[in-house]
Amino acid sequence: MSTTHDRLTSTDRLLACAICERTILLGEEPLRFSHQARSRTVCRLCASEARADGWVEEGRPAPPPVAAHRESVLERLRRRKATPEIDPNDPIRAPHGLGTADDLARATTMLISVETFNASPYRGTVSGISKSLGKARVSVVAFGGRRPGAAITIVWDLSWYRYLVEPGGVPAVRLDERGDSLAELAPRWRDWNAITLEDGSIRLDIRPPARPSA
């Protein structure tokens, strides 16, 4: 009789993590959680995120309910807008930072998209992978036209993941594509304009354009 901690073998059907949507690898030990009256498979990298969101690991007693308010991305953005703090060295918010209004609008979209990603369970996935593969290179590309959001591509030497982020969408973040080689990525996804931090969150690293010398 199998248990929730049995390793996958070649005879098992392919399973995907219910949080990061990553395919569970052969030999990996997935966990089983109950959420909304359904049993869900979760990889070990996302287990802490599942517990933080109130998912109950099968075979363990349910934790007591905790009344806690988790501030949403939109709430943080509204609070930030209510008390703006403009750093003259910040290339995104400073008036002189990125030049044109289109540049500023694109940078703002990228910033909100990064905030949305950082509030998602995928941040835990990035943190877990980084512990094994090291720091990643990150490309944040804003969608064109009036479509809000951005594509965030996170690249390590042995694998890469691309997420589509649409703030306010359902879901707001979803895994779009993944691969194993940098050669698979088109040049548009290699604009390394962000970095990953130890907790798996992303920080934009946009530099203002050079000013012409007098």
N, C-alpha and C. Protein backbone atom coordinates (compact mmCIF):
# COMPACT_ATOMS: atom_id res chain seq x y z
N MET A 1 0.85 -1.20 0.00
CA MET A 1 0.00 0.00 0.00
C MET A 1 0.88 1.24 0.00
N SER A 2 0.63 2.14 -0.91
CA SER A 2 1.47 3.33 -1.02
C SER A 2 1.08 4.37 0.02
N THR A 3 2.02 5.23 0.34
CA THR A 3 1.77 6.33 1.27
C THR A 3 2.04 7.63 0.57
N THR A 4 1.73 8.75 1.26
CA THR A 4 1.91 10.07 0.67
C THR A 4 3.38 10.42 0.49
N HIS A 5 4.31 9.64 1.09
CA HIS A 5 5.73 9.96 1.00
C HIS A 5 6.48 8.98 0.10
N ASP A 6 5.78 8.06 -0.59
CA ASP A 6 6.44 7.14 -1.51
C ASP A 6 7.09 7.91 -2.64
N ARG A 7 8.24 7.40 -3.10
CA ARG A 7 8.90 8.03 -4.24
C ARG A 7 8.20 7.63 -5.53
N LEU A 8 8.19 8.54 -6.50
CA LEU A 8 7.61 8.21 -7.79
C LEU A 8 8.54 7.27 -8.55
N THR A 9 7.96 6.33 -9.28
CA THR A 9 8.74 5.43 -10.13
C THR A 9 8.29 5.61 -11.56
N SER A 10 8.98 4.95 -12.48
CA SER A 10 8.67 5.10 -13.90
C SER A 10 7.30 4.56 -14.25
N THR A 11 6.70 3.77 -13.36
CA THR A 11 5.37 3.22 -13.66
C THR A 11 4.26 4.13 -13.22
N ASP A 12 4.58 5.17 -12.46
CA ASP A 12 3.56 6.10 -12.01
C ASP A 12 3.19 7.07 -13.12
N ARG A 13 1.95 7.56 -13.06
CA ARG A 13 1.56 8.59 -14.01
C ARG A 13 2.21 9.91 -13.62
N LEU A 14 2.36 10.79 -14.60
CA LEU A 14 2.98 12.08 -14.33
C LEU A 14 2.08 12.90 -13.41
N LEU A 15 2.69 13.51 -12.41
CA LEU A 15 1.98 14.37 -11.49
C LEU A 15 2.58 15.75 -11.54
N ALA A 16 1.76 16.75 -11.26
CA ALA A 16 2.22 18.13 -11.23
C ALA A 16 1.88 18.74 -9.89
N CYS A 17 2.76 19.60 -9.41
CA CYS A 17 2.51 20.29 -8.15
C CYS A 17 1.31 21.22 -8.31
N ALA A 18 0.40 21.20 -7.36
CA ALA A 18 -0.81 22.01 -7.44
C ALA A 18 -0.53 23.50 -7.24
N ILE A 19 0.67 23.84 -6.76
CA ILE A 19 0.99 25.25 -6.51
C ILE A 19 1.86 25.82 -7.62
N CYS A 20 3.03 25.22 -7.88
CA CYS A 20 3.93 25.78 -8.90
C CYS A 20 3.71 25.16 -10.27
N GLU A 21 2.90 24.09 -10.36
CA GLU A 21 2.57 23.41 -11.61
C GLU A 21 3.75 22.69 -12.23
N ARG A 22 4.85 22.57 -11.48
CA ARG A 22 6.02 21.85 -11.97
C ARG A 22 5.74 20.36 -11.95
N THR A 23 6.20 19.64 -13.00
CA THR A 23 6.05 18.19 -13.04
C THR A 23 6.92 17.55 -11.96
N ILE A 24 6.34 16.65 -11.17
CA ILE A 24 7.09 15.95 -10.14
C ILE A 24 8.06 14.99 -10.83
N LEU A 25 9.35 15.10 -10.50
CA LEU A 25 10.38 14.30 -11.14
C LEU A 25 10.40 12.88 -10.59
N LEU A 26 10.91 11.94 -11.41
CA LEU A 26 11.04 10.56 -10.96
C LEU A 26 12.00 10.52 -9.77
N GLY A 27 11.63 9.77 -8.74
CA GLY A 27 12.44 9.68 -7.54
C GLY A 27 12.15 10.75 -6.52
N GLU A 28 11.37 11.75 -6.89
CA GLU A 28 11.04 12.84 -5.97
C GLU A 28 9.92 12.39 -5.03
N GLU A 29 9.89 12.95 -3.84
CA GLU A 29 8.89 12.58 -2.85
C GLU A 29 7.84 13.68 -2.74
N PRO A 30 6.70 13.54 -3.42
CA PRO A 30 5.65 14.55 -3.30
C PRO A 30 4.89 14.40 -1.99
N LEU A 31 4.19 15.43 -1.61
CA LEU A 31 3.34 15.41 -0.43
C LEU A 31 1.88 15.54 -0.88
N ARG A 32 0.97 15.13 -0.02
CA ARG A 32 -0.45 15.24 -0.32
C ARG A 32 -1.09 16.16 0.71
N PHE A 33 -1.85 17.14 0.19
CA PHE A 33 -2.54 18.10 1.05
C PHE A 33 -4.03 18.09 0.71
N SER A 34 -4.84 18.45 1.70
CA SER A 34 -6.28 18.63 1.47
C SER A 34 -6.57 20.12 1.43
N HIS A 35 -7.31 20.52 0.40
CA HIS A 35 -7.68 21.93 0.25
C HIS A 35 -9.01 22.01 -0.47
N GLN A 36 -9.97 22.71 0.15
CA GLN A 36 -11.31 22.86 -0.43
C GLN A 36 -11.92 21.49 -0.75
N ALA A 37 -11.76 20.57 0.21
CA ALA A 37 -12.35 19.23 0.12
C ALA A 37 -11.76 18.40 -1.01
N ARG A 38 -10.57 18.78 -1.48
CA ARG A 38 -9.92 18.00 -2.53
C ARG A 38 -8.51 17.64 -2.09
N SER A 39 -8.04 16.47 -2.55
CA SER A 39 -6.68 16.04 -2.27
C SER A 39 -5.78 16.55 -3.39
N ARG A 40 -4.66 17.21 -3.01
CA ARG A 40 -3.80 17.83 -4.00
C ARG A 40 -2.34 17.41 -3.78
N THR A 41 -1.63 17.23 -4.89
CA THR A 41 -0.22 16.89 -4.85
C THR A 41 0.61 18.16 -4.78
N VAL A 42 1.59 18.19 -3.88
CA VAL A 42 2.44 19.37 -3.70
C VAL A 42 3.89 18.92 -3.62
N CYS A 43 4.79 19.58 -4.37
CA CYS A 43 6.20 19.25 -4.27
C CYS A 43 6.75 19.81 -2.95
N ARG A 44 7.89 19.28 -2.52
CA ARG A 44 8.44 19.69 -1.22
C ARG A 44 8.87 21.15 -1.22
N LEU A 45 9.22 21.69 -2.38
CA LEU A 45 9.62 23.10 -2.45
C LEU A 45 8.46 24.03 -2.12
N CYS A 46 7.23 23.58 -2.39
CA CYS A 46 6.06 24.43 -2.17
C CYS A 46 5.28 24.06 -0.91
N ALA A 47 5.80 23.10 -0.13
CA ALA A 47 5.06 22.64 1.04
C ALA A 47 4.81 23.76 2.05
N SER A 48 5.84 24.60 2.27
CA SER A 48 5.67 25.69 3.24
C SER A 48 4.61 26.68 2.78
N GLU A 49 4.54 26.94 1.46
CA GLU A 49 3.52 27.84 0.92
C GLU A 49 2.13 27.25 1.11
N ALA A 50 2.01 25.93 0.91
CA ALA A 50 0.71 25.27 1.09
C ALA A 50 0.26 25.38 2.54
N ARG A 51 1.18 25.16 3.47
CA ARG A 51 0.82 25.26 4.89
C ARG A 51 0.46 26.69 5.26
N ALA A 52 1.21 27.65 4.71
CA ALA A 52 0.93 29.06 5.01
C ALA A 52 -0.44 29.48 4.52
N ASP A 53 -0.92 28.86 3.44
CA ASP A 53 -2.23 29.19 2.89
C ASP A 53 -3.36 28.37 3.51
N GLY A 54 -3.03 27.58 4.54
CA GLY A 54 -4.07 26.84 5.24
C GLY A 54 -4.35 25.46 4.71
N TRP A 55 -3.55 24.97 3.77
CA TRP A 55 -3.73 23.61 3.29
C TRP A 55 -3.29 22.64 4.39
N VAL A 56 -3.97 21.51 4.50
CA VAL A 56 -3.70 20.54 5.57
C VAL A 56 -3.01 19.32 4.97
N GLU A 57 -1.82 19.03 5.50
CA GLU A 57 -1.08 17.86 5.01
C GLU A 57 -1.79 16.60 5.45
N GLU A 58 -2.04 15.70 4.51
CA GLU A 58 -2.76 14.47 4.82
C GLU A 58 -1.94 13.61 5.77
N GLY A 59 -2.62 13.05 6.77
CA GLY A 59 -1.96 12.22 7.75
C GLY A 59 -1.51 12.98 8.97
N ARG A 60 -1.71 14.32 8.96
CA ARG A 60 -1.36 15.13 10.12
C ARG A 60 -2.60 15.85 10.63
N PRO A 61 -2.67 16.13 11.93
CA PRO A 61 -3.85 16.85 12.45
C PRO A 61 -3.92 18.26 11.91
N ALA A 62 -5.13 18.74 11.71
CA ALA A 62 -5.33 20.09 11.20
C ALA A 62 -4.92 21.11 12.25
N PRO A 63 -4.21 22.16 11.87
CA PRO A 63 -3.81 23.18 12.83
C PRO A 63 -5.02 24.01 13.26
N PRO A 64 -4.97 24.62 14.45
CA PRO A 64 -6.10 25.46 14.88
C PRO A 64 -6.23 26.66 13.98
N PRO A 65 -7.46 27.14 13.77
CA PRO A 65 -7.64 28.30 12.88
C PRO A 65 -6.98 29.53 13.46
N VAL A 66 -6.36 30.30 12.58
CA VAL A 66 -5.69 31.53 12.98
C VAL A 66 -6.30 32.68 12.20
N ALA A 67 -6.81 33.65 12.91
CA ALA A 67 -7.40 34.82 12.25
C ALA A 67 -6.29 35.81 11.95
N ALA A 68 -5.90 35.86 10.70
CA ALA A 68 -4.81 36.77 10.30
C ALA A 68 -5.13 37.38 8.95
N HIS A 69 -4.85 38.64 8.84
CA HIS A 69 -5.08 39.32 7.57
C HIS A 69 -3.78 39.41 6.80
N ARG A 70 -3.77 38.85 5.58
CA ARG A 70 -2.60 38.92 4.74
C ARG A 70 -2.81 40.04 3.72
N GLU A 71 -2.01 41.04 3.83
CA GLU A 71 -2.17 42.21 2.97
C GLU A 71 -1.96 41.82 1.51
N SER A 72 -2.91 42.17 0.66
CA SER A 72 -2.82 41.85 -0.75
C SER A 72 -1.91 42.83 -1.46
N VAL A 73 -1.56 42.47 -2.69
CA VAL A 73 -0.71 43.34 -3.50
C VAL A 73 -1.39 44.68 -3.74
N LEU A 74 -2.69 44.64 -4.07
CA LEU A 74 -3.40 45.89 -4.34
C LEU A 74 -3.46 46.78 -3.11
N GLU A 75 -3.61 46.15 -1.92
CA GLU A 75 -3.63 46.94 -0.70
C GLU A 75 -2.28 47.61 -0.45
N ARG A 76 -1.21 46.88 -0.72
CA ARG A 76 0.12 47.47 -0.54
C ARG A 76 0.34 48.63 -1.50
N LEU A 77 -0.13 48.44 -2.74
CA LEU A 77 0.05 49.49 -3.74
C LEU A 77 -0.77 50.73 -3.38
N ARG A 78 -2.00 50.51 -2.87
CA ARG A 78 -2.82 51.66 -2.45
C ARG A 78 -2.17 52.40 -1.29
N ARG A 79 -1.61 51.64 -0.35
CA ARG A 79 -0.95 52.27 0.79
C ARG A 79 0.28 53.06 0.32
N ARG A 80 1.01 52.47 -0.62
CA ARG A 80 2.19 53.17 -1.13
C ARG A 80 1.81 54.44 -1.87
N LYS A 81 0.69 54.36 -2.61
CA LYS A 81 0.24 55.53 -3.36
C LYS A 81 -0.23 56.63 -2.41
N ALA A 82 -0.82 56.23 -1.27
CA ALA A 82 -1.33 57.23 -0.32
C ALA A 82 -0.20 57.98 0.36
N THR A 83 0.95 57.32 0.53
CA THR A 83 2.09 57.97 1.17
C THR A 83 3.33 57.81 0.29
N PRO A 84 3.36 58.48 -0.84
CA PRO A 84 4.46 58.29 -1.78
C PRO A 84 5.77 58.81 -1.21
N GLU A 85 6.83 58.06 -1.46
CA GLU A 85 8.16 58.49 -1.09
C GLU A 85 9.03 58.36 -2.32
N ILE A 86 9.41 59.46 -2.90
CA ILE A 86 10.18 59.45 -4.14
C ILE A 86 11.66 59.58 -3.83
N ASP A 87 12.40 58.58 -4.19
CA ASP A 87 13.83 58.58 -4.03
C ASP A 87 14.45 59.11 -5.32
N PRO A 88 15.21 60.18 -5.28
CA PRO A 88 15.79 60.73 -6.51
C PRO A 88 16.74 59.77 -7.21
N ASN A 89 17.18 58.71 -6.49
CA ASN A 89 18.07 57.73 -7.10
C ASN A 89 17.33 56.51 -7.63
N ASP A 90 16.00 56.50 -7.45
CA ASP A 90 15.18 55.38 -7.92
C ASP A 90 14.86 55.61 -9.39
N PRO A 91 15.37 54.76 -10.30
CA PRO A 91 15.15 54.99 -11.73
C PRO A 91 13.73 54.78 -12.18
N ILE A 92 12.89 54.15 -11.33
CA ILE A 92 11.50 53.90 -11.73
C ILE A 92 10.60 55.05 -11.33
N ARG A 93 10.72 55.50 -10.06
CA ARG A 93 9.77 56.50 -9.57
C ARG A 93 10.27 57.93 -9.72
N ALA A 94 11.57 58.14 -9.82
CA ALA A 94 12.07 59.50 -9.94
C ALA A 94 11.62 60.13 -11.25
N PRO A 95 11.24 61.42 -11.25
CA PRO A 95 10.73 62.07 -12.46
C PRO A 95 11.70 62.01 -13.63
N HIS A 96 13.01 62.03 -13.36
CA HIS A 96 13.97 62.05 -14.46
C HIS A 96 14.43 60.66 -14.85
N GLY A 97 13.89 59.60 -14.17
CA GLY A 97 14.48 58.27 -14.28
C GLY A 97 14.50 57.64 -15.64
N LEU A 98 13.36 57.50 -16.31
CA LEU A 98 13.32 56.73 -17.54
C LEU A 98 12.90 57.54 -18.75
N GLY A 99 12.88 58.83 -18.63
CA GLY A 99 12.65 59.66 -19.81
C GLY A 99 11.20 59.84 -20.17
N THR A 100 10.72 59.13 -21.19
CA THR A 100 9.41 59.37 -21.75
C THR A 100 8.29 58.81 -20.87
N ALA A 101 7.08 59.32 -21.16
CA ALA A 101 5.90 58.83 -20.42
C ALA A 101 5.68 57.36 -20.68
N ASP A 102 5.94 56.89 -21.91
CA ASP A 102 5.78 55.47 -22.23
C ASP A 102 6.77 54.63 -21.42
N ASP A 103 7.98 55.12 -21.27
CA ASP A 103 8.97 54.40 -20.48
C ASP A 103 8.52 54.28 -19.03
N LEU A 104 8.00 55.37 -18.50
CA LEU A 104 7.55 55.38 -17.11
C LEU A 104 6.36 54.45 -16.92
N ALA A 105 5.42 54.46 -17.88
CA ALA A 105 4.25 53.58 -17.80
C ALA A 105 4.68 52.12 -17.86
N ARG A 106 5.63 51.81 -18.75
CA ARG A 106 6.12 50.43 -18.87
C ARG A 106 6.83 49.99 -17.59
N ALA A 107 7.64 50.88 -17.02
CA ALA A 107 8.34 50.55 -15.79
C ALA A 107 7.37 50.35 -14.62
N THR A 108 6.31 51.16 -14.59
CA THR A 108 5.30 51.01 -13.53
C THR A 108 4.59 49.67 -13.65
N THR A 109 4.27 49.27 -14.89
CA THR A 109 3.65 47.97 -15.12
C THR A 109 4.56 46.85 -14.66
N MET A 110 5.84 46.97 -14.97
CA MET A 110 6.81 45.96 -14.55
C MET A 110 6.90 45.89 -13.03
N LEU A 111 6.90 47.05 -12.38
CA LEU A 111 6.98 47.09 -10.92
C LEU A 111 5.79 46.40 -10.28
N ILE A 112 4.58 46.72 -10.75
CA ILE A 112 3.36 46.10 -10.20
C ILE A 112 3.36 44.59 -10.46
N SER A 113 3.83 44.19 -11.64
CA SER A 113 3.89 42.76 -11.96
C SER A 113 4.85 42.03 -11.05
N VAL A 114 5.99 42.64 -10.77
CA VAL A 114 6.96 42.03 -9.86
C VAL A 114 6.38 41.93 -8.45
N GLU A 115 5.68 42.97 -8.00
CA GLU A 115 5.02 42.94 -6.69
C GLU A 115 4.02 41.79 -6.64
N THR A 116 3.28 41.61 -7.73
CA THR A 116 2.28 40.54 -7.78
C THR A 116 2.95 39.18 -7.71
N PHE A 117 4.05 39.00 -8.46
CA PHE A 117 4.77 37.73 -8.42
C PHE A 117 5.30 37.45 -7.02
N ASN A 118 5.86 38.47 -6.38
CA ASN A 118 6.45 38.29 -5.06
C ASN A 118 5.41 37.89 -4.01
N ALA A 119 4.14 38.20 -4.26
CA ALA A 119 3.07 37.83 -3.33
C ALA A 119 2.48 36.46 -3.64
N SER A 120 2.98 35.80 -4.67
CA SER A 120 2.42 34.51 -5.09
C SER A 120 3.21 33.35 -4.51
N PRO A 121 2.64 32.13 -4.54
CA PRO A 121 3.36 30.95 -4.05
C PRO A 121 4.61 30.63 -4.86
N TYR A 122 4.70 31.15 -6.10
CA TYR A 122 5.86 30.84 -6.94
C TYR A 122 7.15 31.40 -6.35
N ARG A 123 7.05 32.40 -5.50
CA ARG A 123 8.25 32.93 -4.86
C ARG A 123 8.96 31.82 -4.06
N GLY A 124 8.19 30.98 -3.38
CA GLY A 124 8.77 29.87 -2.64
C GLY A 124 9.46 28.86 -3.55
N THR A 125 8.88 28.66 -4.75
CA THR A 125 9.49 27.75 -5.72
C THR A 125 10.85 28.27 -6.15
N VAL A 126 10.92 29.57 -6.45
CA VAL A 126 12.19 30.18 -6.88
C VAL A 126 13.23 30.08 -5.77
N SER A 127 12.80 30.32 -4.54
CA SER A 127 13.72 30.23 -3.40
C SER A 127 14.29 28.82 -3.27
N GLY A 128 13.43 27.82 -3.39
CA GLY A 128 13.87 26.44 -3.25
C GLY A 128 14.84 26.02 -4.34
N ILE A 129 14.54 26.40 -5.60
CA ILE A 129 15.43 26.04 -6.70
C ILE A 129 16.77 26.77 -6.56
N SER A 130 16.72 28.02 -6.12
CA SER A 130 17.95 28.80 -5.98
C SER A 130 18.89 28.20 -4.95
N LYS A 131 18.35 27.54 -3.95
CA LYS A 131 19.20 26.91 -2.93
C LYS A 131 20.03 25.79 -3.54
N SER A 132 19.53 25.18 -4.62
CA SER A 132 20.26 24.10 -5.29
C SER A 132 21.10 24.60 -6.46
N LEU A 133 20.55 25.54 -7.23
CA LEU A 133 21.20 25.96 -8.47
C LEU A 133 21.84 27.33 -8.39
N GLY A 134 21.69 28.03 -7.27
CA GLY A 134 22.30 29.35 -7.13
C GLY A 134 21.40 30.45 -7.63
N LYS A 135 21.95 31.66 -7.65
CA LYS A 135 21.17 32.83 -8.07
C LYS A 135 20.79 32.73 -9.54
N ALA A 136 19.62 33.28 -9.85
CA ALA A 136 19.12 33.22 -11.23
C ALA A 136 19.22 34.58 -11.90
N ARG A 137 19.23 34.55 -13.22
CA ARG A 137 19.08 35.77 -14.00
C ARG A 137 17.59 35.93 -14.31
N VAL A 138 17.13 37.17 -14.33
CA VAL A 138 15.69 37.42 -14.47
C VAL A 138 15.44 38.46 -15.55
N SER A 139 14.46 38.18 -16.39
CA SER A 139 14.02 39.12 -17.42
C SER A 139 12.55 39.45 -17.19
N VAL A 140 12.22 40.73 -17.09
CA VAL A 140 10.83 41.17 -16.92
C VAL A 140 10.46 41.98 -18.15
N VAL A 141 9.50 41.50 -18.92
CA VAL A 141 9.07 42.15 -20.16
C VAL A 141 7.60 42.51 -20.05
N ALA A 142 7.30 43.79 -20.09
CA ALA A 142 5.91 44.24 -20.00
C ALA A 142 5.15 43.87 -21.27
N PHE A 143 3.88 43.51 -21.12
CA PHE A 143 3.04 43.23 -22.27
C PHE A 143 2.86 44.51 -23.08
N GLY A 144 2.70 44.38 -24.37
CA GLY A 144 2.49 45.55 -25.21
C GLY A 144 1.05 46.02 -25.19
N GLY A 145 0.82 47.22 -25.72
CA GLY A 145 -0.53 47.77 -25.80
C GLY A 145 -1.11 48.08 -24.44
N ARG A 146 -2.44 47.94 -24.33
CA ARG A 146 -3.13 48.27 -23.08
C ARG A 146 -3.26 47.09 -22.13
N ARG A 147 -2.69 45.98 -22.51
CA ARG A 147 -2.80 44.78 -21.68
C ARG A 147 -1.87 44.92 -20.47
N PRO A 148 -2.40 44.96 -19.26
CA PRO A 148 -1.54 45.11 -18.09
C PRO A 148 -0.84 43.79 -17.75
N GLY A 149 0.36 43.89 -17.28
CA GLY A 149 1.07 42.70 -16.87
C GLY A 149 2.40 42.55 -17.56
N ALA A 150 3.07 41.45 -17.26
CA ALA A 150 4.41 41.22 -17.79
C ALA A 150 4.72 39.73 -17.81
N ALA A 151 5.71 39.39 -18.64
CA ALA A 151 6.26 38.03 -18.65
C ALA A 151 7.55 38.06 -17.85
N ILE A 152 7.67 37.18 -16.88
CA ILE A 152 8.87 37.11 -16.04
C ILE A 152 9.56 35.78 -16.31
N THR A 153 10.78 35.85 -16.84
CA THR A 153 11.56 34.66 -17.15
C THR A 153 12.71 34.55 -16.16
N ILE A 154 12.80 33.42 -15.47
CA ILE A 154 13.82 33.20 -14.46
C ILE A 154 14.71 32.06 -14.94
N VAL A 155 16.01 32.33 -15.03
CA VAL A 155 16.93 31.41 -15.70
C VAL A 155 18.08 31.01 -14.78
N TRP A 156 18.25 29.69 -14.63
CA TRP A 156 19.44 29.13 -14.00
C TRP A 156 20.25 28.42 -15.08
N ASP A 157 21.41 27.90 -14.73
CA ASP A 157 22.24 27.23 -15.73
C ASP A 157 21.58 25.96 -16.27
N LEU A 158 20.77 25.31 -15.45
CA LEU A 158 20.21 24.01 -15.85
C LEU A 158 18.73 24.05 -16.17
N SER A 159 18.07 25.16 -15.95
CA SER A 159 16.64 25.22 -16.24
C SER A 159 16.17 26.67 -16.25
N TRP A 160 14.99 26.88 -16.83
CA TRP A 160 14.37 28.21 -16.82
C TRP A 160 12.86 28.06 -16.75
N TYR A 161 12.23 29.10 -16.21
CA TYR A 161 10.77 29.14 -16.08
C TYR A 161 10.29 30.51 -16.54
N ARG A 162 9.19 30.53 -17.29
CA ARG A 162 8.58 31.80 -17.66
C ARG A 162 7.16 31.85 -17.10
N TYR A 163 6.88 32.95 -16.37
CA TYR A 163 5.57 33.16 -15.76
C TYR A 163 4.88 34.34 -16.42
N LEU A 164 3.59 34.24 -16.60
CA LEU A 164 2.78 35.35 -17.07
C LEU A 164 2.06 35.96 -15.88
N VAL A 165 2.25 37.25 -15.70
CA VAL A 165 1.69 37.94 -14.54
C VAL A 165 0.67 38.97 -15.02
N GLU A 166 -0.55 38.86 -14.55
CA GLU A 166 -1.62 39.80 -14.88
C GLU A 166 -2.26 40.26 -13.57
N PRO A 167 -1.78 41.36 -12.99
CA PRO A 167 -2.33 41.84 -11.72
C PRO A 167 -3.84 42.00 -11.79
N GLY A 168 -4.54 41.43 -10.83
CA GLY A 168 -5.99 41.49 -10.83
C GLY A 168 -6.65 40.35 -11.58
N GLY A 169 -5.86 39.55 -12.31
CA GLY A 169 -6.41 38.43 -13.05
C GLY A 169 -6.62 37.22 -12.15
N VAL A 170 -7.28 36.20 -12.70
CA VAL A 170 -7.52 34.96 -11.96
C VAL A 170 -7.10 33.79 -12.85
N PRO A 171 -5.93 33.19 -12.58
CA PRO A 171 -4.99 33.56 -11.51
C PRO A 171 -4.15 34.76 -11.94
N ALA A 172 -3.58 35.44 -10.97
CA ALA A 172 -2.75 36.61 -11.29
C ALA A 172 -1.39 36.20 -11.82
N VAL A 173 -0.92 35.01 -11.44
CA VAL A 173 0.37 34.50 -11.90
C VAL A 173 0.19 33.05 -12.34
N ARG A 174 0.73 32.72 -13.51
CA ARG A 174 0.66 31.32 -13.94
C ARG A 174 1.92 30.95 -14.70
N LEU A 175 2.30 29.69 -14.58
CA LEU A 175 3.47 29.18 -15.29
C LEU A 175 3.12 29.05 -16.76
N ASP A 176 3.88 29.71 -17.62
CA ASP A 176 3.61 29.70 -19.06
C ASP A 176 4.43 28.64 -19.78
N GLU A 177 5.71 28.56 -19.45
CA GLU A 177 6.59 27.63 -20.15
C GLU A 177 7.84 27.41 -19.31
N ARG A 178 8.50 26.26 -19.54
CA ARG A 178 9.75 25.97 -18.86
C ARG A 178 10.65 25.19 -19.79
N GLY A 179 11.95 25.21 -19.51
CA GLY A 179 12.89 24.49 -20.35
C GLY A 179 14.18 24.24 -19.61
N ASP A 180 15.12 23.63 -20.32
CA ASP A 180 16.38 23.22 -19.70
C ASP A 180 17.60 23.95 -20.25
N SER A 181 17.44 24.67 -21.36
CA SER A 181 18.61 25.29 -21.99
C SER A 181 18.33 26.74 -22.33
N LEU A 182 19.33 27.59 -22.09
CA LEU A 182 19.21 29.00 -22.43
C LEU A 182 19.02 29.20 -23.93
N ALA A 183 19.54 28.26 -24.73
CA ALA A 183 19.43 28.36 -26.18
C ALA A 183 17.98 28.30 -26.65
N GLU A 184 17.09 27.79 -25.80
CA GLU A 184 15.68 27.69 -26.17
C GLU A 184 14.96 29.03 -26.09
N LEU A 185 15.57 30.02 -25.42
CA LEU A 185 14.93 31.30 -25.21
C LEU A 185 15.23 32.27 -26.34
N ALA A 186 14.20 32.93 -26.84
CA ALA A 186 14.39 33.96 -27.85
C ALA A 186 15.07 35.18 -27.22
N PRO A 187 15.75 36.00 -28.01
CA PRO A 187 16.47 37.16 -27.46
C PRO A 187 15.59 38.09 -26.63
N ARG A 188 14.30 38.19 -26.96
CA ARG A 188 13.42 39.12 -26.23
C ARG A 188 13.24 38.73 -24.78
N TRP A 189 13.52 37.46 -24.45
CA TRP A 189 13.37 37.00 -23.06
C TRP A 189 14.71 37.02 -22.32
N ARG A 190 15.73 37.66 -22.90
CA ARG A 190 17.06 37.67 -22.27
C ARG A 190 17.50 39.07 -21.88
N ASP A 191 16.57 39.94 -21.62
CA ASP A 191 16.90 41.28 -21.15
C ASP A 191 16.99 41.23 -19.63
N TRP A 192 18.19 40.97 -19.12
CA TRP A 192 18.37 40.73 -17.68
C TRP A 192 18.25 42.03 -16.91
N ASN A 193 17.04 42.34 -16.48
CA ASN A 193 16.77 43.63 -15.83
C ASN A 193 16.24 43.47 -14.41
N ALA A 194 16.44 42.28 -13.82
CA ALA A 194 15.99 42.05 -12.45
C ALA A 194 16.86 40.98 -11.83
N ILE A 195 16.80 40.87 -10.51
CA ILE A 195 17.57 39.86 -9.79
C ILE A 195 16.67 39.15 -8.80
N THR A 196 17.10 37.97 -8.34
CA THR A 196 16.37 37.25 -7.31
C THR A 196 17.06 37.47 -5.96
N LEU A 197 16.26 37.49 -4.90
CA LEU A 197 16.77 37.62 -3.54
C LEU A 197 16.70 36.27 -2.83
N GLU A 198 17.25 36.19 -1.64
CA GLU A 198 17.34 34.91 -0.94
C GLU A 198 15.98 34.27 -0.69
N ASP A 199 14.95 35.08 -0.48
CA ASP A 199 13.63 34.52 -0.19
C ASP A 199 12.85 34.18 -1.45
N GLY A 200 13.50 34.28 -2.62
CA GLY A 200 12.83 33.94 -3.87
C GLY A 200 12.10 35.09 -4.53
N SER A 201 12.06 36.23 -3.87
CA SER A 201 11.39 37.39 -4.47
C SER A 201 12.28 38.02 -5.54
N ILE A 202 11.67 38.86 -6.35
CA ILE A 202 12.37 39.49 -7.47
C ILE A 202 12.46 40.99 -7.23
N ARG A 203 13.59 41.57 -7.62
CA ARG A 203 13.77 43.01 -7.52
C ARG A 203 14.24 43.54 -8.86
N LEU A 204 13.52 44.55 -9.36
CA LEU A 204 13.92 45.15 -10.62
C LEU A 204 15.27 45.83 -10.47
N ASP A 205 16.06 45.77 -11.54
CA ASP A 205 17.39 46.37 -11.54
C ASP A 205 17.54 47.21 -12.81
N ILE A 206 16.64 48.20 -12.93
CA ILE A 206 16.61 49.05 -14.13
C ILE A 206 17.52 50.25 -13.91
N ARG A 207 18.35 50.51 -14.87
CA ARG A 207 19.24 51.65 -14.79
C ARG A 207 18.73 52.77 -15.68
N PRO A 208 18.75 54.02 -15.22
CA PRO A 208 18.31 55.13 -16.06
C PRO A 208 19.27 55.31 -17.23
N PRO A 209 18.75 55.82 -18.36
CA PRO A 209 19.62 56.02 -19.51
C PRO A 209 20.70 57.05 -19.21
N ALA A 210 21.85 56.84 -19.82
CA ALA A 210 22.96 57.76 -19.61
C ALA A 210 22.62 59.14 -20.15
N ARG A 211 22.98 60.17 -19.40
CA ARG A 211 22.71 61.53 -19.86
C ARG A 211 23.87 62.01 -20.73
N PRO A 212 23.55 62.72 -21.78
CA PRO A 212 24.62 63.23 -22.64
C PRO A 212 25.51 64.19 -21.87
N SER A 213 26.79 64.10 -22.12
CA SER A 213 27.73 65.00 -21.43
C SER A 213 27.61 66.41 -21.99
N ALA A 214 27.85 67.37 -21.11
CA ALA A 214 27.73 68.76 -21.54
C ALA A 214 28.85 69.15 -22.48
